[in-house]
Each structure stands twice: as C-alpha cells, then as structure tokens.
C-alpha cells in the first residue's frame, strides 16, 4: 500500500502542477475551435480510463452489497484495481491538453480528473489507516466523479461558451437579487414575522437612508453595465462560430474565458457586501474590481477580428467610466453632508 500511496500522491501532484500552469500561468493556448481529431481521440481515451475505474468500482459495490464493511484484502484490491486506469487517465489528459485544448477546456478536464484522482488518494489513505467502514463511501464518490467526466466539453468553442454563459448567469442572479432588495426598500418596511426568521440571523437594520439608496442604485447600475458588456461578448462568439476560429479569431477567443472567470470572481465576492447594511469603503474597493474587469472586457471586445465598427464600444466605455465616477463620488458622501 505504501507504493500505491506514493504513486497516487505523484498523480495528484502532477495534476495540480498542470492546474497551476493553466489557471495561473495561462500556459495552454487553444489550437482548434470546433473540432480536432487528435483531441477527440485523447478525450475518448480519457473517458475510457474513467470508464475502467467506474467498472471496477461498480464490481466492488456489487460484491459488497451484502456487507457494509469490506475486509482489509477487499479494500486493498479495489485500490489496486483502479490504480492503473488512474495512470492512463493522467496520460490521456496530457495528450488532450497538448492536442490544443485552451484555458477553459483544459480547466474542465483537469477539474474532472482531479476529482477522481484526489478521491482515489483519500481512499488509499483510508485503507492504510484501516478505516474500512468508510471505503464504500469513497468508492461511491469515485463512481460519481467518473460519471461526471463525460460532461466535459468536446471543443474549445463549447468550453468557452460554458464559461461565458456561467458568468452571465451569475450576473443575472446577482442583479435580480439586488433588484429585489431595491424593490423592498421602495415598498417600505413590512411587519416582522419572528417565527419565520432565522434563529441565527443578526438583528441588523436593512433599511437604507436616501443617500444609501442612491449609492446602492448606482452600484447596481454598474453591475447592469457589466452584464451588458458580458452579453455582448457572448453574441460576438455566437456570430462568428461558422469561421471555425480562422482569421485571428481563435487567438482572440482564447482570451475570453479567463476574462469571464475574473468577472465571476468579482461578482461573487461583491454580492454579499453590497446588500444592506453595507460599508461604503468596502463597496468602493469592490467598485475598483468592477472597473478592472469591465474595462478589460471592453478592451478585448474592441480587438475582435473583423469588427470594423467599434463606435458602440467606445460610447459604452465612456458611459461606463462616467457611471464609475458618479458611483465613487456618491459612495464617498456621508449622510450628514
């Protein structure tokens, strides 16, 4: 088991190294857009390796159906049976990445593979420490992870659109929630139903002053402008799918997923801090991040190959900067001013 544990640790370390190269260093550039035979073959091998792991786990589950706790030998046998497919999984992943998977597609494949292999590593640790009663739980997790892997995208186009649409969805949900907060403020205070309140909730006054309402409205307006910017990027990708990444579009589109991931991070971090009662200094810091991601997206959209008329983007950028300045000025005001 020691050799097996060492081998699994090496697999996990290699996957995390690939993850850092992709997510931090942006080391892998997309080399195809809609289809690539080398990538398709590597993806098939990747799924076959996951399928082999799945088969072994399923067999183990059937054998264990009449017993809740496996013996030491049974627990070791399942670890040994799925070790070689884990090695094949890692090898196929590397081939798929170097066949031209870009940032978004590579991120999907690594996340799915890491979920399988890291759970496998934990399973080996449990067997080493003789925690056999928990083995079925972790074989179940491996089974779930293997079944998820076929959902990975089949092309850079699909992976890119997934990231972009996720960002738009997060923005839509955040804006909808904040619109609801603003509507509640406009409707005035309602009678409290103590029985329906969370017993762990702090007794905070969520009623905003006229100035706070103005500040909140301006920040919400900024988010709606970012929402419009991100939707424009999705439309740009949809409109140029037919060129299969030619004429410089592949290089340009390869930069979109990381931009939209940044938007995700900013919006998720910002959402809770904007809801009343909010601290103006904290919201000002978030506004700075909104400015960064919004302007970065606009700058990238203006560089789209074949987009001769960017006047609407220029106007949009001017309006965005004006709204940023207005929001900052308002957030610096105090209620007694």
Protein backbone atom coordinates (compact mmCIF):
# COMPACT_ATOMS: atom_id res chain seq x y z
CA UNK A 1 0.00 0.00 0.00
CA UNK A 2 2.91 2.35 0.58
CA UNK A 3 3.93 2.16 -3.09
CA UNK A 4 0.33 2.70 -4.11
CA UNK A 5 0.03 5.72 -1.82
CA UNK A 6 3.25 7.15 -3.23
CA UNK A 7 2.02 6.63 -6.79
CA UNK A 8 -1.30 8.35 -6.08
CA UNK A 9 0.49 11.28 -4.42
CA UNK A 10 2.58 11.67 -7.57
CA UNK A 11 -0.55 11.63 -9.77
CA UNK A 12 -2.24 14.30 -7.66
CA UNK A 13 0.91 16.44 -7.64
CA UNK A 14 1.19 16.25 -11.43
CA UNK A 15 -2.45 17.23 -11.85
CA UNK A 16 -2.09 20.19 -9.50
CA UNK A 17 1.03 21.28 -11.37
CA UNK A 18 -0.92 21.21 -14.65
CA UNK A 19 -3.74 23.09 -12.92
CA UNK A 20 -1.37 25.85 -11.80
CA UNK A 21 0.18 26.11 -15.26
CA UNK A 22 -3.27 26.54 -16.77
CA UNK A 23 -5.12 28.64 -14.19
CA UNK A 24 -2.23 30.85 -13.07
CA UNK A 25 0.35 30.84 -15.86
CA UNK A 26 -2.18 30.50 -18.73
CA UNK A 27 0.33 28.13 -20.33
CA UNK A 28 -2.03 26.28 -22.68
CA UNK A 29 -3.34 28.03 -25.79
CA UNK A 30 -6.26 26.81 -27.90
CA UNK A 31 -5.14 25.42 -31.25
CA UNK A 32 -8.54 24.47 -32.63
CA UNK A 33 -12.04 25.84 -32.22
CA UNK A 34 -14.78 23.36 -33.09
CA UNK A 35 -13.18 20.03 -33.96
CA UNK A 36 -9.83 18.25 -33.81
CA UNK A 37 -9.24 14.54 -34.43
CA UNK A 38 -6.21 14.31 -32.11
CA UNK A 39 -8.12 15.91 -29.26
CA UNK A 40 -11.22 13.78 -29.88
CA UNK A 41 -9.11 10.62 -29.71
CA UNK A 42 -7.38 11.73 -26.49
CA UNK A 43 -10.74 12.66 -24.98
CA UNK A 44 -12.09 9.21 -25.85
CA UNK A 45 -9.08 7.58 -24.14
CA UNK A 46 -9.62 9.83 -21.11
CA UNK A 47 -13.26 8.76 -20.86
CA UNK A 48 -12.30 5.11 -21.40
CA UNK A 49 -9.88 5.29 -18.46
CA UNK A 50 -12.61 6.80 -16.31
CA UNK A 51 -14.93 4.06 -17.56
CA UNK A 52 -12.45 1.38 -16.46
CA UNK A 53 -12.33 2.90 -12.98
CA UNK A 54 -16.12 3.04 -12.96
CA UNK A 55 -16.42 -0.64 -13.91
CA UNK A 56 -14.06 -1.72 -11.12
CA UNK A 57 -15.89 0.41 -8.56
CA UNK A 58 -19.24 -0.98 -9.71
CA UNK A 59 -17.97 -4.56 -9.40
CA UNK A 60 -16.71 -3.80 -5.91
CA UNK A 61 -20.06 -2.31 -4.93
CA UNK A 62 -21.90 -5.41 -6.14
CA UNK A 63 -19.57 -7.69 -4.18
CA UNK A 64 -20.05 -5.53 -1.09
CA UNK A 65 -23.83 -5.37 -1.44
CA UNK A 66 -24.36 -7.87 1.37
CA UNK A 67 -21.70 -6.45 3.67
CA UNK A 68 -21.36 -2.91 4.97
CA UNK A 69 -17.67 -3.12 5.81
CA UNK A 70 -15.06 -4.67 3.46
CA UNK A 71 -12.17 -6.76 4.71
CA UNK A 72 -8.64 -5.40 4.51
CA UNK A 73 -7.88 -7.54 1.47
CA UNK A 74 -11.07 -6.44 -0.31
CA UNK A 75 -10.29 -2.78 0.36
CA UNK A 76 -6.75 -3.17 -0.94
CA UNK A 77 -7.96 -4.99 -4.04
CA UNK A 78 -10.18 -2.12 -5.19
CA UNK A 79 -7.33 0.35 -4.73
CA UNK A 80 -5.02 -1.84 -6.80
CA UNK A 81 -7.65 -2.42 -9.49
CA UNK A 82 -8.21 1.28 -10.19
CA UNK A 83 -4.59 2.43 -9.90
CA UNK A 84 -3.56 1.58 -13.48
CA UNK A 85 -6.63 3.30 -15.00
CA UNK A 86 -5.71 6.38 -12.93
CA UNK A 87 -2.30 6.38 -14.60
CA UNK A 88 -3.98 6.02 -18.00
CA UNK A 89 -6.30 8.89 -17.11
CA UNK A 90 -3.36 11.19 -16.40
CA UNK A 91 -1.54 10.17 -19.59
CA UNK A 92 -4.65 10.75 -21.74
CA UNK A 93 -5.23 14.12 -20.09
CA UNK A 94 -1.74 15.29 -21.03
CA UNK A 95 -2.24 14.20 -24.64
CA UNK A 96 -5.59 16.03 -24.78
CA UNK A 97 -4.09 19.23 -23.40
CA UNK A 98 -1.19 19.24 -25.82
CA UNK A 99 -3.53 18.43 -28.71
CA UNK A 100 -4.66 22.05 -28.47
CA UNK A 101 -7.03 22.42 -25.53
CA UNK A 102 -7.19 26.03 -24.40
CA UNK A 103 -7.68 27.55 -20.95
CA UNK A 104 -11.38 26.73 -20.48
CA UNK A 105 -11.27 23.23 -21.93
CA UNK A 106 -8.11 22.34 -20.01
CA UNK A 107 -9.64 23.66 -16.80
CA UNK A 108 -12.67 21.41 -17.27
CA UNK A 109 -10.59 18.29 -17.93
CA UNK A 110 -8.19 18.88 -15.04
CA UNK A 111 -11.03 19.59 -12.60
CA UNK A 112 -12.82 16.37 -13.59
CA UNK A 113 -9.65 14.27 -13.47
CA UNK A 114 -8.51 15.78 -10.18
CA UNK A 115 -11.86 14.99 -8.61
CA UNK A 116 -11.35 11.30 -9.46
CA UNK A 117 -7.68 11.03 -8.55
CA UNK A 118 -7.80 13.05 -5.32
CA UNK A 119 -10.72 10.91 -4.10
CA UNK A 120 -8.71 7.83 -5.04
CA UNK A 121 -5.80 9.18 -2.98
CA UNK A 122 -8.10 9.63 0.01
CA UNK A 123 -9.40 6.09 -0.46
CA UNK A 124 -5.85 4.72 -0.30
CA UNK A 125 -5.23 6.76 2.86
CA UNK A 126 -8.33 5.27 4.48
CA UNK A 127 -7.19 1.74 3.67
CA UNK A 128 -3.72 2.48 5.04
CA UNK A 129 -5.24 3.70 8.30
CA UNK A 130 -7.61 0.69 8.33
CA UNK A 131 -10.78 2.83 8.22
CA UNK A 132 -12.54 0.15 6.18
CA UNK A 133 -16.05 1.22 7.16
CA UNK A 134 -15.62 4.41 5.09
CA UNK A 135 -14.37 2.64 1.95
CA UNK A 136 -17.86 2.25 0.37
CA UNK A 137 -18.47 5.98 0.84
CA UNK A 138 -15.35 6.90 -1.12
CA UNK A 139 -15.84 4.31 -3.85
CA UNK A 140 -19.25 5.92 -4.29
CA UNK A 141 -17.61 9.32 -4.67
CA UNK A 142 -15.22 7.92 -7.27
CA UNK A 143 -18.18 6.44 -9.14
CA UNK A 144 -19.93 9.84 -9.15
CA UNK A 145 -16.77 11.58 -10.37
CA UNK A 146 -16.31 9.08 -13.20
CA UNK A 147 -19.92 9.53 -14.30
CA UNK A 148 -19.43 13.30 -14.39
CA UNK A 149 -16.37 13.22 -16.67
CA UNK A 150 -18.29 12.60 -19.94
CA UNK A 151 -19.83 16.06 -19.44
CA UNK A 152 -16.55 17.77 -20.33
CA UNK A 153 -16.77 19.84 -23.49
CA UNK A 154 -15.88 18.38 -26.86
CA UNK A 155 -14.24 21.54 -28.20
CA UNK A 156 -12.75 24.87 -27.20
CA UNK A 157 -15.86 26.58 -28.57
CA UNK A 158 -18.19 24.70 -26.22
CA UNK A 159 -15.89 25.17 -23.21
CA UNK A 160 -15.54 28.89 -23.92
CA UNK A 161 -19.29 29.41 -24.21
CA UNK A 162 -19.88 27.49 -20.97
CA UNK A 163 -17.61 29.84 -19.04
CA UNK A 164 -19.15 32.92 -20.63
CA UNK A 165 -22.74 31.82 -20.08
CA UNK A 166 -21.95 30.92 -16.46
CA UNK A 167 -20.67 34.45 -15.90
CA UNK A 168 -23.80 35.94 -17.45
CA UNK A 169 -25.98 33.65 -15.30
CA UNK A 170 -24.17 34.69 -12.11
CA UNK A 171 -24.59 38.35 -13.05
CA UNK A 172 -28.28 37.81 -13.84
CA UNK A 173 -28.89 36.13 -10.47
CA UNK A 174 -26.96 38.79 -8.54
CA UNK A 175 -28.73 41.66 -10.28
CA UNK A 176 -32.13 40.02 -9.82
CA UNK A 177 -31.47 39.62 -6.10
CA UNK A 178 -30.28 43.22 -5.71
CA UNK A 179 -33.25 44.50 -7.73
CA UNK A 180 -35.42 42.68 -5.21
CA UNK A 181 -33.64 44.45 -2.34
CA UNK A 182 -34.25 47.81 -4.01
CA UNK A 183 -37.92 46.96 -4.58
CA UNK A 184 -38.30 46.04 -0.90
CA UNK A 185 -36.83 49.41 0.07
CA UNK A 186 -39.28 51.20 -2.20
CA UNK A 187 -42.22 49.29 -0.70
CA UNK A 188 -41.22 50.37 2.79
CA UNK A 189 -40.85 48.33 5.98
CA UNK A 190 -43.07 45.29 6.44
CA UNK A 191 -44.33 43.73 9.64
CA UNK A 192 -41.80 41.27 11.07
CA UNK A 193 -42.79 37.62 11.32
CA UNK A 194 -40.47 36.43 14.07
CA UNK A 195 -41.47 32.79 13.60
CA UNK A 196 -40.17 32.79 10.01
CA UNK A 197 -36.84 34.45 10.82
CA UNK A 198 -33.58 32.54 11.01
CA UNK A 199 -32.80 32.00 14.71
CA UNK A 200 -29.12 32.58 13.92
CA UNK A 201 -29.66 35.81 11.97
CA UNK A 202 -28.21 39.00 13.41
CA UNK A 203 -30.73 41.73 14.18
CA UNK A 204 -29.44 44.19 11.59
CA UNK A 205 -31.39 47.13 10.24
CA UNK A 206 -31.57 46.63 6.48
CA UNK A 207 -33.48 49.87 5.86
CA UNK A 208 -31.41 52.27 3.75
CA UNK A 209 -31.33 56.04 4.07
CA UNK A 210 -32.00 58.13 0.93
CA UNK A 211 -28.23 58.50 0.39
CA UNK A 212 -27.62 54.78 0.87
CA UNK A 213 -30.42 54.03 -1.57
CA UNK A 214 -28.77 56.31 -4.12
CA UNK A 215 -25.40 54.63 -3.54
CA UNK A 216 -26.94 51.19 -3.84
CA UNK A 217 -28.75 52.16 -7.06
CA UNK A 218 -25.56 53.46 -8.67
CA UNK A 219 -23.61 50.30 -7.81
CA UNK A 220 -26.46 48.20 -9.17
CA UNK A 221 -26.32 50.28 -12.35
CA UNK A 222 -22.62 49.46 -12.69
CA UNK A 223 -23.36 45.75 -12.44
CA UNK A 224 -26.03 46.07 -15.12
CA UNK A 225 -23.48 47.72 -17.41
CA UNK A 226 -21.05 44.84 -16.84
CA UNK A 227 -23.95 42.48 -17.57
CA UNK A 228 -24.49 44.19 -20.94
CA UNK A 229 -20.75 44.00 -21.70
CA UNK A 230 -20.56 40.27 -20.97
CA UNK A 231 -23.65 39.56 -23.08
CA UNK A 232 -22.03 41.41 -25.98
CA UNK A 233 -19.09 39.01 -25.76
CA UNK A 234 -21.43 36.01 -25.94
CA UNK A 235 -23.11 37.48 -29.02
CA UNK A 236 -19.69 38.02 -30.61
CA UNK A 237 -18.82 34.35 -30.16
CA UNK A 238 -22.23 33.19 -31.40
CA UNK A 239 -22.00 35.36 -34.51
CA UNK A 240 -18.61 34.01 -35.59
CA UNK A 241 -18.96 30.28 -34.84
CA UNK A 242 -19.05 29.45 -38.54
CA UNK A 243 -15.49 30.62 -39.23
CA UNK A 244 -14.10 27.78 -37.08
CA UNK A 245 -11.59 30.05 -35.41
CA UNK A 246 -9.94 31.36 -38.55
CA UNK A 247 -8.71 34.88 -39.38
CA UNK A 248 -7.27 35.52 -35.94
CA UNK A 249 -10.50 34.68 -34.13
CA UNK A 250 -9.04 31.63 -32.35
CA UNK A 251 -6.32 33.67 -30.68
CA UNK A 252 -8.81 36.37 -29.73
CA UNK A 253 -11.46 33.98 -28.41
CA UNK A 254 -8.85 32.14 -26.36
CA UNK A 255 -8.58 35.19 -24.11
CA UNK A 256 -12.29 35.32 -23.28
CA UNK A 257 -12.65 32.51 -20.68
CA UNK A 258 -10.06 33.92 -18.27
CA UNK A 259 -11.66 37.38 -18.55
CA UNK A 260 -15.07 35.94 -17.74
CA UNK A 261 -13.64 33.89 -14.87
CA UNK A 262 -12.34 37.18 -13.44
CA UNK A 263 -15.84 38.64 -13.77
CA UNK A 264 -17.21 35.62 -11.87
CA UNK A 265 -14.78 36.11 -9.01
CA UNK A 266 -15.50 39.83 -8.72
CA UNK A 267 -19.29 39.44 -8.76
CA UNK A 268 -19.34 36.54 -6.29
CA UNK A 269 -17.09 38.44 -3.87
CA UNK A 270 -19.11 41.61 -4.26
CA UNK A 271 -22.67 40.31 -3.98
CA UNK A 272 -22.95 39.89 -0.22
CA UNK A 273 -21.04 43.09 0.60
CA UNK A 274 -23.41 45.27 -1.44
CA UNK A 275 -26.57 44.09 0.33
CA UNK A 276 -27.65 46.41 3.16
CA UNK A 277 -26.37 47.22 5.64
CA UNK A 278 -23.19 47.85 3.63
CA UNK A 279 -19.94 49.67 4.33
CA UNK A 280 -19.11 52.36 1.79
CA UNK A 281 -15.35 51.78 1.99
CA UNK A 282 -15.78 48.08 1.29
CA UNK A 283 -18.11 48.74 -1.64
CA UNK A 284 -15.64 51.30 -3.03
CA UNK A 285 -12.99 48.60 -3.09
CA UNK A 286 -15.35 46.31 -4.98
CA UNK A 287 -16.11 49.11 -7.45
CA UNK A 288 -12.40 49.19 -8.26
CA UNK A 289 -12.53 45.49 -9.16
CA UNK A 290 -15.68 46.02 -11.24
CA UNK A 291 -13.85 48.77 -13.12
CA UNK A 292 -10.90 46.47 -13.80
CA UNK A 293 -12.91 43.56 -15.21
CA UNK A 294 -15.37 45.77 -17.09
CA UNK A 295 -12.68 47.77 -18.87
CA UNK A 296 -10.68 44.60 -19.60
CA UNK A 297 -13.71 43.03 -21.30
CA UNK A 298 -14.39 46.20 -23.30
CA UNK A 299 -10.77 46.43 -24.43
CA UNK A 300 -10.84 42.79 -25.56
CA UNK A 301 -14.12 43.24 -27.44
CA UNK A 302 -12.64 46.19 -29.32
CA UNK A 303 -9.85 43.91 -30.56
CA UNK A 304 -12.25 41.37 -32.09
CA UNK A 305 -11.04 40.36 -35.57
CA UNK A 306 -13.29 41.66 -38.32
CA UNK A 307 -15.10 44.14 -36.07
CA UNK A 308 -14.58 47.32 -38.09
CA UNK A 309 -17.14 49.48 -36.31
CA UNK A 310 -16.38 49.71 -32.59
CA UNK A 311 -18.08 53.06 -32.04
CA UNK A 312 -20.73 51.48 -29.80
CA UNK A 313 -17.98 50.02 -27.62
CA UNK A 314 -16.25 53.40 -27.41
CA UNK A 315 -19.53 55.00 -26.32
CA UNK A 316 -20.14 52.17 -23.89
CA UNK A 317 -16.71 52.61 -22.34
CA UNK A 318 -17.29 56.36 -21.90
CA UNK A 319 -20.66 55.71 -20.26
CA UNK A 320 -19.14 53.04 -18.00
CA UNK A 321 -16.36 55.38 -16.86
CA UNK A 322 -18.89 58.15 -16.19
CA UNK A 323 -21.01 55.79 -14.10
CA UNK A 324 -17.90 54.65 -12.20
CA UNK A 325 -17.00 58.25 -11.35
CA UNK A 326 -20.57 59.01 -10.25
CA UNK A 327 -20.73 55.92 -8.06
CA UNK A 328 -17.37 56.67 -6.43
CA UNK A 329 -18.30 60.28 -5.70
CA UNK A 330 -21.60 59.21 -4.15
CA UNK A 331 -20.03 56.44 -2.05
CA UNK A 332 -17.64 58.97 -0.52
CA UNK A 333 -20.53 61.08 0.79
CA UNK A 334 -21.81 60.84 4.35
CA UNK A 335 -25.45 61.09 5.41
CA UNK A 336 -24.86 64.37 7.22
CA UNK A 337 -23.40 66.08 4.14
